[in-house]
Protein backbone atom coordinates (compact mmCIF):
# COMPACT_ATOMS: atom_id res chain seq x y z
CA MET A 1 169.95 -109.93 223.28
CA HIS A 2 168.24 -110.85 226.58
CA ARG A 3 169.76 -114.29 226.92
CA LYS A 4 171.22 -113.66 230.39
CA LYS A 5 167.84 -112.57 231.69
CA TYR A 6 165.73 -115.43 230.31
CA ASP A 7 168.10 -118.44 230.21
CA ALA A 8 167.57 -118.97 233.93
CA LEU A 9 163.85 -119.58 233.34
CA THR A 10 162.83 -123.17 232.69
CA ASP A 11 159.71 -125.09 231.69
CA THR A 12 156.53 -123.70 233.27
CA VAL A 13 158.19 -120.53 234.50
CA ARG A 14 159.37 -119.80 230.96
CA ASP A 15 155.91 -120.56 229.55
CA GLU A 16 154.29 -118.19 232.04
CA LYS A 17 156.79 -115.46 231.21
CA VAL A 18 156.07 -115.90 227.48
CA LYS A 19 152.33 -115.60 228.18
CA GLN A 20 152.92 -112.44 230.22
CA LEU A 21 155.03 -110.87 227.49
CA LYS A 22 152.49 -111.74 224.78
CA ALA A 23 149.64 -110.31 226.89
CA GLY A 24 151.62 -107.11 227.46
CA PHE A 25 152.30 -106.79 223.75
CA THR A 26 148.62 -107.31 222.92
CA LYS A 27 147.59 -104.59 225.40
CA GLN A 28 150.08 -102.15 223.87
CA ARG A 29 148.92 -102.93 220.34
CA ASN A 30 145.25 -102.52 221.28
CA LEU A 31 146.00 -99.20 222.95
CA PHE A 32 147.43 -97.80 219.71
CA LEU A 33 144.59 -99.25 217.64
CA ASN A 34 141.99 -97.65 219.92
CA VAL A 35 143.76 -94.28 219.79
CA ASN A 36 143.80 -94.48 216.00
CA LYS A 37 140.08 -95.32 215.99
CA SER A 38 139.40 -92.37 218.28
CA ILE A 39 141.20 -90.00 215.94
CA GLU A 40 139.33 -91.38 212.92
CA ASP A 41 135.98 -90.94 214.69
CA SER A 42 136.86 -87.35 215.63
CA VAL A 43 137.70 -86.53 212.01
CA ARG A 44 134.51 -88.26 210.84
CA ALA A 45 132.46 -86.15 213.29
CA SER A 46 134.21 -82.98 212.13
CA PHE A 47 133.43 -83.71 208.49
CA ALA A 48 129.80 -84.52 209.32
CA ILE A 49 129.40 -81.21 211.16
CA SER A 50 131.04 -79.29 208.31
CA GLU A 51 128.70 -80.97 205.84
CA MET A 52 125.64 -80.14 207.93
CA ILE A 53 126.66 -76.48 208.22
CA ALA A 54 127.33 -76.22 204.50
CA LYS A 55 124.02 -77.85 203.55
CA SER A 56 121.93 -75.81 205.97
CA SER A 57 123.14 -72.39 204.75
CA ARG A 58 122.61 -71.10 208.28
CA PRO A 59 125.18 -69.59 210.61
CA PHE A 60 126.68 -71.91 213.20
CA THR A 61 125.57 -69.52 215.93
CA GLU A 62 121.91 -70.42 215.34
CA GLY A 63 120.68 -72.65 218.16
CA GLN A 64 118.92 -75.36 216.15
CA ILE A 65 121.91 -76.09 213.87
CA VAL A 66 124.21 -76.25 216.89
CA LYS A 67 121.90 -78.80 218.52
CA GLU A 68 121.73 -80.90 215.33
CA CYS A 69 125.52 -80.81 214.94
CA LEU A 70 126.13 -81.83 218.53
CA LEU A 71 123.64 -84.70 218.26
CA LYS A 72 125.34 -85.95 215.10
CA ALA A 73 128.80 -85.65 216.68
CA SER A 74 127.69 -87.49 219.81
CA GLU A 75 126.17 -90.23 217.66
CA ILE A 76 129.45 -90.73 215.80
CA LEU A 77 131.65 -90.50 218.88
CA SER A 78 129.46 -92.77 221.02
CA SER A 79 130.05 -95.61 218.57
CA GLN A 80 133.74 -95.26 219.47
CA GLU A 81 133.10 -96.07 223.15
CA GLU A 82 131.53 -99.39 222.26
CA THR A 83 134.87 -100.68 220.96
CA PHE A 84 136.69 -100.25 224.29
């Protein structure tokens, strides 16, 4: 499909172009994997907060439960940043 574009490349130039294309593909793939991980972590944090609210039997407007929920969410979401 791209024969006209790449047939002119020979030996080391072709090898370098292959390395560039592979590196670009790897970056794209990692971008989508990291986005997927981010979404999973957000859902995990949401479920953890919902569980904490349900177990506490307190309204979400109460200051202490809000603080506990935010700490738990930040704990879950901060693990996400370590993968970048």
